[in-house]
C-alpha cells in the first residue's frame, strides 16, 4: 500500500515584496576597517534594503536619517560560539555573558539568533547542538570561504535539521573591508515581507519567509500536496534535499530555465521531516530555500 503524500508547510505563503538584506559585517567598533557609517554606506549604495551591522560584543548604531529609504536593524555578534543577535535592544558595548545568557537575551527581546560560520569555527557536533535554540545557521559565510575555503555550513545545517528541530538557513558576508579581502555582497538573504518596517521584517525572519543566496533568485514558490512549483531567475540546476538515506533529487538543464517542478514521487527515500531546495546558475552561484517542513513532523 502506497504511503500517503505528506502536506508540506510553505514559509513563503504570505504575500509581500522581496527585500535584500545584509546582517553580518563589521566596522572599526570591533575588527573592521571602515567606520560604522562607511560600512553601512557600502551596502546602502549596493542596493540593500535591510542592513544590520554586527560588531563583536557591540551593537553599533548610526542615525536612521543618514540612510533614507533603508531599514537599519540593530545587530551584534556575541558569545562563543558566535551568535548573531538580530533585532537587539541594547546599544553600544554589550555584556555578553555565556552562550546561554546570549540565547536567553535573544528570546527575551524577541530577536532572531543565527549560529555563525560553523565550519570556520570548527565546531564539534556537541558545540553545535549546544546552540540549538538559535533560529538559523549560516549556510554561507562569504568571506571565510574566500579567505579560508571553509565558508559553507550546509552539511551542518542538514545535520541539525535531522535532530527534528527547526532551523532556517542564512547566507552572510562577514565582511571586514580589509585591504586583502574588501569584497562584500557575496552572500545575503532575500526577505519577503509586506512592508520595509522593522516589525514586518522581524516577523518574516522568524517565519522563515526569506531565502539565502549568492545571486540566483527564487521569485515565487508554491506548494500543493506533494508538488512544489518554483519560478526562478535563469538557472541550470535545481536540487531537492530531504532527510533520510539517499534523500535527494537533482534536475539539470543545458539551457537556463525559469520554471521548475519538484514532485514527491521523485525521491527514492521519501522526506520524513523536511524538503529544501537549492538552485545554481551557469556561473556556479547558489541559492538555498528554507525548509518546507512536513506538517506534524
C-alpha atoms as a PDB file:
ATOM      1  CA  UNK A   1       0.000   0.000   0.000  1.00  0.00           C
ATOM      2  CA  UNK A   2       1.424   3.372  -1.030  1.00  0.00           C
ATOM      3  CA  UNK A   3       2.286   5.791   1.731  1.00  0.00           C
ATOM      4  CA  UNK A   4       0.146   8.938   1.863  1.00  0.00           C
ATOM      5  CA  UNK A   5       1.675  12.044   0.316  1.00  0.00           C
ATOM      6  CA  UNK A   6       2.570  14.448   3.149  1.00  0.00           C
ATOM      7  CA  UNK A   7       1.458  18.021   3.481  1.00  0.00           C
ATOM      8  CA  UNK A   8       4.360  20.478   3.320  1.00  0.00           C
ATOM      9  CA  UNK A   9       4.372  23.797   5.155  1.00  0.00           C
ATOM     10  CA  UNK A  10       5.284  26.735   2.916  1.00  0.00           C
ATOM     11  CA  UNK A  11       7.217  29.537   4.663  1.00  0.00           C
ATOM     12  CA  UNK A  12       6.679  31.699   1.547  1.00  0.00           C
ATOM     13  CA  UNK A  13       2.880  31.579   1.542  1.00  0.00           C
ATOM     14  CA  UNK A  14       2.443  35.166   2.782  1.00  0.00           C
ATOM     15  CA  UNK A  15       2.238  37.925   0.225  1.00  0.00           C
ATOM     16  CA  UNK A  16       4.705  40.751   0.096  1.00  0.00           C
ATOM     17  CA  UNK A  17       7.736  42.207  -1.627  1.00  0.00           C
ATOM     18  CA  UNK A  18      11.263  40.888  -1.682  1.00  0.00           C
ATOM     19  CA  UNK A  19      13.777  42.971   0.305  1.00  0.00           C
ATOM     20  CA  UNK A  20      17.544  42.464   0.072  1.00  0.00           C
ATOM     21  CA  UNK A  21      19.179  42.019   3.474  1.00  0.00           C
ATOM     22  CA  UNK A  22      22.749  42.015   4.868  1.00  0.00           C
ATOM     23  CA  UNK A  23      23.278  41.227   8.554  1.00  0.00           C
ATOM     24  CA  UNK A  24      26.857  40.123   9.167  1.00  0.00           C
ATOM     25  CA  UNK A  25      29.660  42.627   8.637  1.00  0.00           C
ATOM     26  CA  UNK A  26      31.992  44.668  10.825  1.00  0.00           C
ATOM     27  CA  UNK A  27      33.253  48.195  11.440  1.00  0.00           C
ATOM     28  CA  UNK A  28      36.028  49.888  13.408  1.00  0.00           C
ATOM     29  CA  UNK A  29      33.858  49.432  16.511  1.00  0.00           C
ATOM     30  CA  UNK A  30      35.266  45.888  16.530  1.00  0.00           C
ATOM     31  CA  UNK A  31      37.669  44.434  13.952  1.00  0.00           C
ATOM     32  CA  UNK A  32      36.572  46.045  10.689  1.00  0.00           C
ATOM     33  CA  UNK A  33      38.499  48.612   8.635  1.00  0.00           C
ATOM     34  CA  UNK A  34      35.693  51.124   7.947  1.00  0.00           C
ATOM     35  CA  UNK A  35      33.661  53.254  10.329  1.00  0.00           C
ATOM     36  CA  UNK A  36      30.085  52.163  11.080  1.00  0.00           C
ATOM     37  CA  UNK A  37      28.666  54.763   8.676  1.00  0.00           C
ATOM     38  CA  UNK A  38      31.162  53.893   5.931  1.00  0.00           C
ATOM     39  CA  UNK A  39      30.485  50.160   6.170  1.00  0.00           C
ATOM     40  CA  UNK A  40      26.702  50.642   6.130  1.00  0.00           C
ATOM     41  CA  UNK A  41      27.035  53.012   3.171  1.00  0.00           C
ATOM     42  CA  UNK A  42      28.720  50.234   1.177  1.00  0.00           C
ATOM     43  CA  UNK A  43      25.573  48.139   1.433  1.00  0.00           C
ATOM     44  CA  UNK A  44      23.161  51.038   1.018  1.00  0.00           C
ATOM     45  CA  UNK A  45      24.814  52.104  -2.230  1.00  0.00           C
ATOM     46  CA  UNK A  46      24.838  48.490  -3.466  1.00  0.00           C
ATOM     47  CA  UNK A  47      21.039  48.327  -3.287  1.00  0.00           C
ATOM     48  CA  UNK A  48      20.475  46.561   0.021  1.00  0.00           C
ATOM     49  CA  UNK A  49      17.187  47.417   1.736  1.00  0.00           C
ATOM     50  CA  UNK A  50      17.704  45.889   5.203  1.00  0.00           C
ATOM     51  CA  UNK A  51      21.082  46.352   6.885  1.00  0.00           C
ATOM     52  CA  UNK A  52      22.337  45.002  10.222  1.00  0.00           C
ATOM     53  CA  UNK A  53      25.907  45.957  11.169  1.00  0.00           C
ATOM     54  CA  UNK A  54      27.139  43.239  13.557  1.00  0.00           C
ATOM     55  CA  UNK A  55      30.234  44.226  15.510  1.00  0.00           C
ATOM     56  CA  UNK A  56      31.777  41.834  18.039  1.00  0.00           C
ATOM     57  CA  UNK A  57      30.484  42.409  21.541  1.00  0.00           C
ATOM     58  CA  UNK A  58      28.819  45.626  20.445  1.00  0.00           C
ATOM     59  CA  UNK A  59      25.563  46.815  18.891  1.00  0.00           C
ATOM     60  CA  UNK A  60      26.694  49.702  16.681  1.00  0.00           C
ATOM     61  CA  UNK A  61      24.097  52.187  15.504  1.00  0.00           C
ATOM     62  CA  UNK A  62      24.048  55.269  13.302  1.00  0.00           C
ATOM     63  CA  UNK A  63      21.131  57.692  12.841  1.00  0.00           C
ATOM     64  CA  UNK A  64      18.454  56.218  10.579  1.00  0.00           C
ATOM     65  CA  UNK A  65      18.101  59.530   8.764  1.00  0.00           C
ATOM     66  CA  UNK A  66      21.610  59.145   7.342  1.00  0.00           C
ATOM     67  CA  UNK A  67      20.256  56.378   5.103  1.00  0.00           C
ATOM     68  CA  UNK A  68      16.773  57.334   3.884  1.00  0.00           C
ATOM     69  CA  UNK A  69      14.804  54.517   2.323  1.00  0.00           C
ATOM     70  CA  UNK A  70      16.859  51.888   4.149  1.00  0.00           C
ATOM     71  CA  UNK A  71      15.914  49.898   7.246  1.00  0.00           C
ATOM     72  CA  UNK A  72      18.718  49.600   9.806  1.00  0.00           C
ATOM     73  CA  UNK A  73      18.241  46.686  12.226  1.00  0.00           C
ATOM     74  CA  UNK A  74      20.369  46.784  15.423  1.00  0.00           C
ATOM     75  CA  UNK A  75      22.530  43.646  15.373  1.00  0.00           C
ATOM     76  CA  UNK A  76      25.534  42.275  17.239  1.00  0.00           C
ATOM     77  CA  UNK A  77      27.824  39.251  17.030  1.00  0.00           C
ATOM     78  CA  UNK A  78      28.085  37.845  20.518  1.00  0.00           C
ATOM     79  CA  UNK A  79      29.464  34.974  22.633  1.00  0.00           C
ATOM     80  CA  UNK A  80      31.290  31.800  21.650  1.00  0.00           C
ATOM     81  CA  UNK A  81      30.094  30.061  19.539  1.00  0.00           C
ATOM     82  CA  UNK A  82      29.475  33.337  17.708  1.00  0.00           C
ATOM     83  CA  UNK A  83      25.777  34.189  17.500  1.00  0.00           C
ATOM     84  CA  UNK A  84      24.191  36.996  15.513  1.00  0.00           C
ATOM     85  CA  UNK A  85      21.581  38.782  17.609  1.00  0.00           C
ATOM     86  CA  UNK A  86      19.338  40.473  15.049  1.00  0.00           C
ATOM     87  CA  UNK A  87      16.843  42.954  16.468  1.00  0.00           C
ATOM     88  CA  UNK A  88      18.867  43.660  19.623  1.00  0.00           C
ATOM     89  CA  UNK A  89      17.508  46.144  22.150  1.00  0.00           C
ATOM     90  CA  UNK A  90      20.899  47.049  23.641  1.00  0.00           C
ATOM     91  CA  UNK A  91      23.110  49.759  22.184  1.00  0.00           C
ATOM     92  CA  UNK A  92      26.881  50.094  22.412  1.00  0.00           C
ATOM     93  CA  UNK A  93      29.092  47.586  24.214  1.00  0.00           C
ATOM     94  CA  UNK A  94      27.152  44.526  25.352  1.00  0.00           C
ATOM     95  CA  UNK A  95      27.903  42.475  28.445  1.00  0.00           C
ATOM     96  CA  UNK A  96      27.799  39.159  26.639  1.00  0.00           C
ATOM     97  CA  UNK A  97      27.945  36.565  29.408  1.00  0.00           C
ATOM     98  CA  UNK A  98      27.731  32.893  28.456  1.00  0.00           C
ATOM     99  CA  UNK A  99      26.203  31.347  25.368  1.00  0.00           C
ATOM    100  CA  UNK A 100      23.149  30.527  27.448  1.00  0.00           C
ATOM    101  CA  UNK A 101      22.905  34.178  28.540  1.00  0.00           C
ATOM    102  CA  UNK A 102      23.031  35.387  24.913  1.00  0.00           C
ATOM    103  CA  UNK A 103      20.419  32.898  23.734  1.00  0.00           C
ATOM    104  CA  UNK A 104      18.136  33.821  26.657  1.00  0.00           C
ATOM    105  CA  UNK A 105      18.506  37.515  25.811  1.00  0.00           C
ATOM    106  CA  UNK A 106      17.558  36.894  22.186  1.00  0.00           C
ATOM    107  CA  UNK A 107      14.410  35.034  23.277  1.00  0.00           C
ATOM    108  CA  UNK A 108      13.548  37.652  25.875  1.00  0.00           C
ATOM    109  CA  UNK A 109      13.896  40.507  23.369  1.00  0.00           C
ATOM    110  CA  UNK A 110      12.065  38.549  20.659  1.00  0.00           C
ATOM    111  CA  UNK A 111      15.092  38.817  18.439  1.00  0.00           C
ATOM    112  CA  UNK A 112      16.458  36.439  15.834  1.00  0.00           C
ATOM    113  CA  UNK A 113      19.548  34.337  16.505  1.00  0.00           C
ATOM    114  CA  UNK A 114      21.938  32.920  13.898  1.00  0.00           C
ATOM    115  CA  UNK A 115      24.800  30.473  14.508  1.00  0.00           C
ATOM    116  CA  UNK A 116      27.763  31.991  12.651  1.00  0.00           C
ATOM    117  CA  UNK A 117      30.325  30.262  10.406  1.00  0.00           C
ATOM    118  CA  UNK A 118      30.081  26.760  11.912  1.00  0.00           C
ATOM    119  CA  UNK A 119      32.696  25.335   9.526  1.00  0.00           C
ATOM    120  CA  UNK A 120      35.226  28.162  10.050  1.00  0.00           C
ATOM    121  CA  UNK A 121      34.754  27.839  13.824  1.00  0.00           C
ATOM    122  CA  UNK A 122      35.362  24.083  13.506  1.00  0.00           C
ATOM    123  CA  UNK A 123      32.585  23.425  15.989  1.00  0.00           C
ATOM    124  CA  UNK A 124      32.238  19.920  17.279  1.00  0.00           C
ATOM    125  CA  UNK A 125      28.848  18.293  16.984  1.00  0.00           C
ATOM    126  CA  UNK A 126      28.361  18.845  20.715  1.00  0.00           C
ATOM    127  CA  UNK A 127      29.130  22.577  20.414  1.00  0.00           C
ATOM    128  CA  UNK A 128      26.712  22.839  17.516  1.00  0.00           C
ATOM    129  CA  UNK A 129      23.942  21.157  19.479  1.00  0.00           C
ATOM    130  CA  UNK A 130      24.539  23.447  22.462  1.00  0.00           C
ATOM    131  CA  UNK A 131      23.469  26.366  20.242  1.00  0.00           C
ATOM    132  CA  UNK A 132      20.186  24.637  19.345  1.00  0.00           C
ATOM    133  CA  UNK A 133      17.807  27.439  20.487  1.00  0.00           C
ATOM    134  CA  UNK A 134      19.059  29.617  17.605  1.00  0.00           C
ATOM    135  CA  UNK A 135      16.641  30.381  14.784  1.00  0.00           C
ATOM    136  CA  UNK A 136      19.068  29.845  11.911  1.00  0.00           C
ATOM    137  CA  UNK A 137      22.551  28.698  10.908  1.00  0.00           C
ATOM    138  CA  UNK A 138      24.868  30.273   8.349  1.00  0.00           C
ATOM    139  CA  UNK A 139      24.825  28.135   5.218  1.00  0.00           C
ATOM    140  CA  UNK A 140      27.322  30.523   3.620  1.00  0.00           C
ATOM    141  CA  UNK A 141      29.827  32.872   5.195  1.00  0.00           C
ATOM    142  CA  UNK A 142      31.231  34.510   2.080  1.00  0.00           C
ATOM    143  CA  UNK A 143      34.497  35.999   3.320  1.00  0.00           C
ATOM    144  CA  UNK A 144      35.602  32.898   5.226  1.00  0.00           C
ATOM    145  CA  UNK A 145      35.020  30.946   2.025  1.00  0.00           C
ATOM    146  CA  UNK A 146      37.197  33.423   0.108  1.00  0.00           C
ATOM    147  CA  UNK A 147      39.909  33.643   2.735  1.00  0.00           C
ATOM    148  CA  UNK A 148      39.975  30.128   4.215  1.00  0.00           C
ATOM    149  CA  UNK A 149      37.923  27.902   1.908  1.00  0.00           C
ATOM    150  CA  UNK A 150      35.618  26.841   4.750  1.00  0.00           C
ATOM    151  CA  UNK A 151      32.650  29.162   4.480  1.00  0.00           C
ATOM    152  CA  UNK A 152      29.846  26.682   3.773  1.00  0.00           C
ATOM    153  CA  UNK A 153      27.701  25.382   6.642  1.00  0.00           C
ATOM    154  CA  UNK A 154      25.156  23.405   4.617  1.00  0.00           C
ATOM    155  CA  UNK A 155      26.216  19.973   5.885  1.00  0.00           C
ATOM    156  CA  UNK A 156      25.955  21.093   9.498  1.00  0.00           C
ATOM    157  CA  UNK A 157      22.561  22.641   8.724  1.00  0.00           C
ATOM    158  CA  UNK A 158      21.232  19.304   7.482  1.00  0.00           C
ATOM    159  CA  UNK A 159      22.685  17.510  10.498  1.00  0.00           C
ATOM    160  CA  UNK A 160      20.961  20.000  12.796  1.00  0.00           C
ATOM    161  CA  UNK A 161      17.677  19.587  10.921  1.00  0.00           C
ATOM    162  CA  UNK A 162      17.835  15.829  11.299  1.00  0.00           C
ATOM    163  CA  UNK A 163      17.584  16.214  15.077  1.00  0.00           C
ATOM    164  CA  UNK A 164      13.937  17.090  14.455  1.00  0.00           C
ATOM    165  CA  UNK A 165      14.392  20.730  15.466  1.00  0.00           C
ATOM    166  CA  UNK A 166      13.628  23.529  13.061  1.00  0.00           C
ATOM    167  CA  UNK A 167      16.324  25.831  11.720  1.00  0.00           C
ATOM    168  CA  UNK A 168      16.353  28.296   8.846  1.00  0.00           C
ATOM    169  CA  UNK A 169      19.381  28.752   6.591  1.00  0.00           C
ATOM    170  CA  UNK A 170      21.154  32.117   6.447  1.00  0.00           C
ATOM    171  CA  UNK A 171      23.753  33.484   3.994  1.00  0.00           C
ATOM    172  CA  UNK A 172      26.063  36.326   5.012  1.00  0.00           C
ATOM    173  CA  UNK A 173      29.228  38.153   4.005  1.00  0.00           C
ATOM    174  CA  UNK A 174      31.093  38.634   7.300  1.00  0.00           C
ATOM    175  CA  UNK A 175      32.894  41.475   5.535  1.00  0.00           C
ATOM    176  CA  UNK A 176      35.553  43.409   7.435  1.00  0.00           C
ATOM    177  CA  UNK A 177      36.536  45.541   4.418  1.00  0.00           C
ATOM    178  CA  UNK A 178      40.202  44.811   4.926  1.00  0.00           C
ATOM    179  CA  UNK A 179      42.548  45.590   2.018  1.00  0.00           C
ATOM    180  CA  UNK A 180      43.311  41.907   1.358  1.00  0.00           C
ATOM    181  CA  UNK A 181      39.621  40.936   1.239  1.00  0.00           C
ATOM    182  CA  UNK A 182      37.472  44.005   0.540  1.00  0.00           C
ATOM    183  CA  UNK A 183      34.682  42.006  -1.129  1.00  0.00           C
ATOM    184  CA  UNK A 184      31.091  42.185   0.030  1.00  0.00           C
ATOM    185  CA  UNK A 185      27.663  41.301  -1.343  1.00  0.00           C
ATOM    186  CA  UNK A 186      28.602  37.664  -1.999  1.00  0.00           C
ATOM    187  CA  UNK A 187      26.164  36.158   0.493  1.00  0.00           C
ATOM    188  CA  UNK A 188      22.877  37.664   1.638  1.00  0.00           C
ATOM    189  CA  UNK A 189      19.197  36.997   2.284  1.00  0.00           C
ATOM    190  CA  UNK A 190      16.081  37.992   0.356  1.00  0.00           C
ATOM    191  CA  UNK A 191      13.192  38.624   2.746  1.00  0.00           C
ATOM    192  CA  UNK A 192       9.535  38.512   1.757  1.00  0.00           C
ATOM    193  CA  UNK A 193       7.520  40.967   3.830  1.00  0.00           C
ATOM    194  CA  UNK A 194       4.555  43.309   3.307  1.00  0.00           C
ATOM    195  CA  UNK A 195       6.473  46.474   4.235  1.00  0.00           C
ATOM    196  CA  UNK A 196      10.009  47.695   4.821  1.00  0.00           C
ATOM    197  CA  UNK A 197       9.390  48.174   8.532  1.00  0.00           C
ATOM    198  CA  UNK A 198      11.169  46.517  11.446  1.00  0.00           C
ATOM    199  CA  UNK A 199       8.170  44.572  12.855  1.00  0.00           C
ATOM    200  CA  UNK A 200       7.344  43.147   9.409  1.00  0.00           C
ATOM    201  CA  UNK A 201      10.948  42.192   8.663  1.00  0.00           C
ATOM    202  CA  UNK A 202      11.422  40.549  12.064  1.00  0.00           C
ATOM    203  CA  UNK A 203       8.182  38.570  11.686  1.00  0.00           C
ATOM    204  CA  UNK A 204       9.281  37.444   8.220  1.00  0.00           C
ATOM    205  CA  UNK A 205      12.660  36.273   9.543  1.00  0.00           C
ATOM    206  CA  UNK A 206      11.079  34.337  12.377  1.00  0.00           C
ATOM    207  CA  UNK A 207       8.569  32.725   9.994  1.00  0.00           C
ATOM    208  CA  UNK A 208      11.329  31.701   7.556  1.00  0.00           C
ATOM    209  CA  UNK A 209       9.930  33.914   4.813  1.00  0.00           C
ATOM    210  CA  UNK A 210      13.326  34.502   3.224  1.00  0.00           C
ATOM    211  CA  UNK A 211      15.950  32.643   1.231  1.00  0.00           C
ATOM    212  CA  UNK A 212      19.745  32.723   1.154  1.00  0.00           C
ATOM    213  CA  UNK A 213      21.699  33.454  -1.995  1.00  0.00           C
ATOM    214  CA  UNK A 214      24.925  34.277  -3.774  1.00  0.00           C
ATOM    215  CA  UNK A 215      22.890  35.860  -6.598  1.00  0.00           C
ATOM    216  CA  UNK A 216      20.269  33.457  -8.060  1.00  0.00           C
ATOM    217  CA  UNK A 217      16.672  34.311  -7.219  1.00  0.00           C
ATOM    218  CA  UNK A 218      13.653  32.351  -6.051  1.00  0.00           C
ATOM    219  CA  UNK A 219      10.912  34.583  -7.412  1.00  0.00           C
ATOM    220  CA  UNK A 220       7.865  32.504  -6.492  1.00  0.00           C
ATOM    221  CA  UNK A 221       7.400  29.213  -4.631  1.00  0.00           C
ATOM    222  CA  UNK A 222       4.051  27.426  -4.481  1.00  0.00           C
ATOM    223  CA  UNK A 223       3.345  24.252  -2.564  1.00  0.00           C
ATOM    224  CA  UNK A 224       0.491  21.803  -3.136  1.00  0.00           C
ATOM    225  CA  UNK A 225       0.157  18.238  -1.905  1.00  0.00           C
ATOM    226  CA  UNK A 226       3.336  16.521  -2.977  1.00  0.00           C
ATOM    227  CA  UNK A 227       4.312  19.203  -5.512  1.00  0.00           C
ATOM    228  CA  UNK A 228       6.498  22.309  -5.237  1.00  0.00           C
ATOM    229  CA  UNK A 229       6.351  24.739  -8.168  1.00  0.00           C
ATOM    230  CA  UNK A 230       9.236  27.168  -8.415  1.00  0.00           C
ATOM    231  CA  UNK A 231       9.829  30.266 -10.535  1.00  0.00           C
ATOM    232  CA  UNK A 232      13.429  31.492 -10.522  1.00  0.00           C
ATOM    233  CA  UNK A 233      15.931  33.719 -12.258  1.00  0.00           C
ATOM    234  CA  UNK A 234      17.652  31.809 -15.106  1.00  0.00           C
ATOM    235  CA  UNK A 235      19.368  28.772 -13.520  1.00  0.00           C
ATOM    236  CA  UNK A 236      20.686  25.458 -14.828  1.00  0.00           C
ATOM    237  CA  UNK A 237      20.257  23.193 -11.811  1.00  0.00           C
ATOM    238  CA  UNK A 238      17.729  22.542  -9.062  1.00  0.00           C
ATOM    239  CA  UNK A 239      18.345  20.212  -6.157  1.00  0.00           C
ATOM    240  CA  UNK A 240      15.754  18.898  -3.764  1.00  0.00           C
ATOM    241  CA  UNK A 241      17.326  17.836  -0.471  1.00  0.00           C
ATOM    242  CA  UNK A 242      15.477  15.983   2.271  1.00  0.00           C
ATOM    243  CA  UNK A 243      16.221  13.943   5.370  1.00  0.00           C
ATOM    244  CA  UNK A 244      16.812  10.245   5.057  1.00  0.00           C
ATOM    245  CA  UNK A 245      19.191   7.899   3.252  1.00  0.00           C
ATOM    246  CA  UNK A 246      19.730   8.968  -0.357  1.00  0.00           C
ATOM    247  CA  UNK A 247      17.006  11.581   0.025  1.00  0.00           C
ATOM    248  CA  UNK A 248      17.926  13.983  -2.759  1.00  0.00           C
ATOM    249  CA  UNK A 249      16.987  14.642  -6.354  1.00  0.00           C
ATOM    250  CA  UNK A 250      18.767  16.781  -8.979  1.00  0.00           C
ATOM    251  CA  UNK A 251      17.377  18.351 -12.135  1.00  0.00           C
ATOM    252  CA  UNK A 252      19.742  19.722 -14.814  1.00  0.00           C
ATOM    253  CA  UNK A 253      19.109  21.885 -17.843  1.00  0.00           C
ATOM    254  CA  UNK A 254      21.637  22.654 -20.575  1.00  0.00           C
ATOM    255  CA  UNK A 255      19.905  25.973 -21.136  1.00  0.00           C
ATOM    256  CA  UNK A 256      18.958  28.243 -18.251  1.00  0.00           C
ATOM    257  CA  UNK A 257      15.378  27.770 -17.094  1.00  0.00           C
ATOM    258  CA  UNK A 258      12.997  29.883 -15.038  1.00  0.00           C
ATOM    259  CA  UNK A 259      10.339  27.324 -14.050  1.00  0.00           C
ATOM    260  CA  UNK A 260      10.804  24.051 -12.165  1.00  0.00           C
ATOM    261  CA  UNK A 261       8.541  21.427 -10.608  1.00  0.00           C
ATOM    262  CA  UNK A 262       9.552  19.149  -7.727  1.00  0.00           C
ATOM    263  CA  UNK A 263       7.334  16.121  -7.050  1.00  0.00           C
ATOM    264  CA  UNK A 264       7.208  13.904  -4.001  1.00  0.00           C
ATOM    265  CA  UNK A 265       7.462  10.846  -6.242  1.00  0.00           C
ATOM    266  CA  UNK A 266      10.930  11.932  -7.438  1.00  0.00           C
ATOM    267  CA  UNK A 267      12.557  10.669  -4.223  1.00  0.00           C
ATOM    268  CA  UNK A 268      13.893   7.189  -3.651  1.00  0.00           C
ATOM    269  CA  UNK A 269      13.726   7.813   0.096  1.00  0.00           C
ATOM    270  CA  UNK A 270      10.726   9.987   0.893  1.00  0.00           C
ATOM    271  CA  UNK A 271      11.050  13.103   3.063  1.00  0.00           C
ATOM    272  CA  UNK A 272      10.079  12.404   6.645  1.00  0.00           C
ATOM    273  CA  UNK A 273      10.620  15.830   8.222  1.00  0.00           C
ATOM    274  CA  UNK A 274      11.559  18.374   5.577  1.00  0.00           C
ATOM    275  CA  UNK A 275      12.402  19.220   1.999  1.00  0.00           C
ATOM    276  CA  UNK A 276      14.584  22.134   0.937  1.00  0.00           C
ATOM    277  CA  UNK A 277      15.688  23.436  -2.461  1.00  0.00           C
ATOM    278  CA  UNK A 278      18.956  24.663  -3.957  1.00  0.00           C
ATOM    279  CA  UNK A 279      19.304  26.358  -7.330  1.00  0.00           C
ATOM    280  CA  UNK A 280      22.507  27.062  -9.227  1.00  0.00           C
ATOM    281  CA  UNK A 281      23.192  29.376 -12.156  1.00  0.00           C
ATOM    282  CA  UNK A 282      25.644  28.970 -15.027  1.00  0.00           C
ATOM    283  CA  UNK A 283      28.425  30.641 -13.019  1.00  0.00           C
ATOM    284  CA  UNK A 284      28.086  28.135 -10.193  1.00  0.00           C
ATOM    285  CA  UNK A 285      26.420  30.555  -7.783  1.00  0.00           C
ATOM    286  CA  UNK A 286      23.829  29.018  -5.466  1.00  0.00           C
ATOM    287  CA  UNK A 287      20.662  29.980  -3.624  1.00  0.00           C
ATOM    288  CA  UNK A 288      19.081  27.980  -0.804  1.00  0.00           C
ATOM    289  CA  UNK A 289      15.408  27.925   0.116  1.00  0.00           C
ATOM    290  CA  UNK A 290      14.332  27.438   3.679  1.00  0.00           C
ATOM    291  CA  UNK A 291      12.949  24.007   4.568  1.00  0.00           C
ATOM    292  CA  UNK A 292       9.405  23.001   3.754  1.00  0.00           C
ATOM    293  CA  UNK A 293       8.624  21.032   6.884  1.00  0.00           C
ATOM    294  CA  UNK A 294       6.279  18.065   6.753  1.00  0.00           C
ATOM    295  CA  UNK A 295       3.196  19.022   8.736  1.00  0.00           C
ATOM    296  CA  UNK A 296       3.080  17.226  12.046  1.00  0.00           C
ATOM    297  CA  UNK A 297       6.786  16.350  11.988  1.00  0.00           C
END
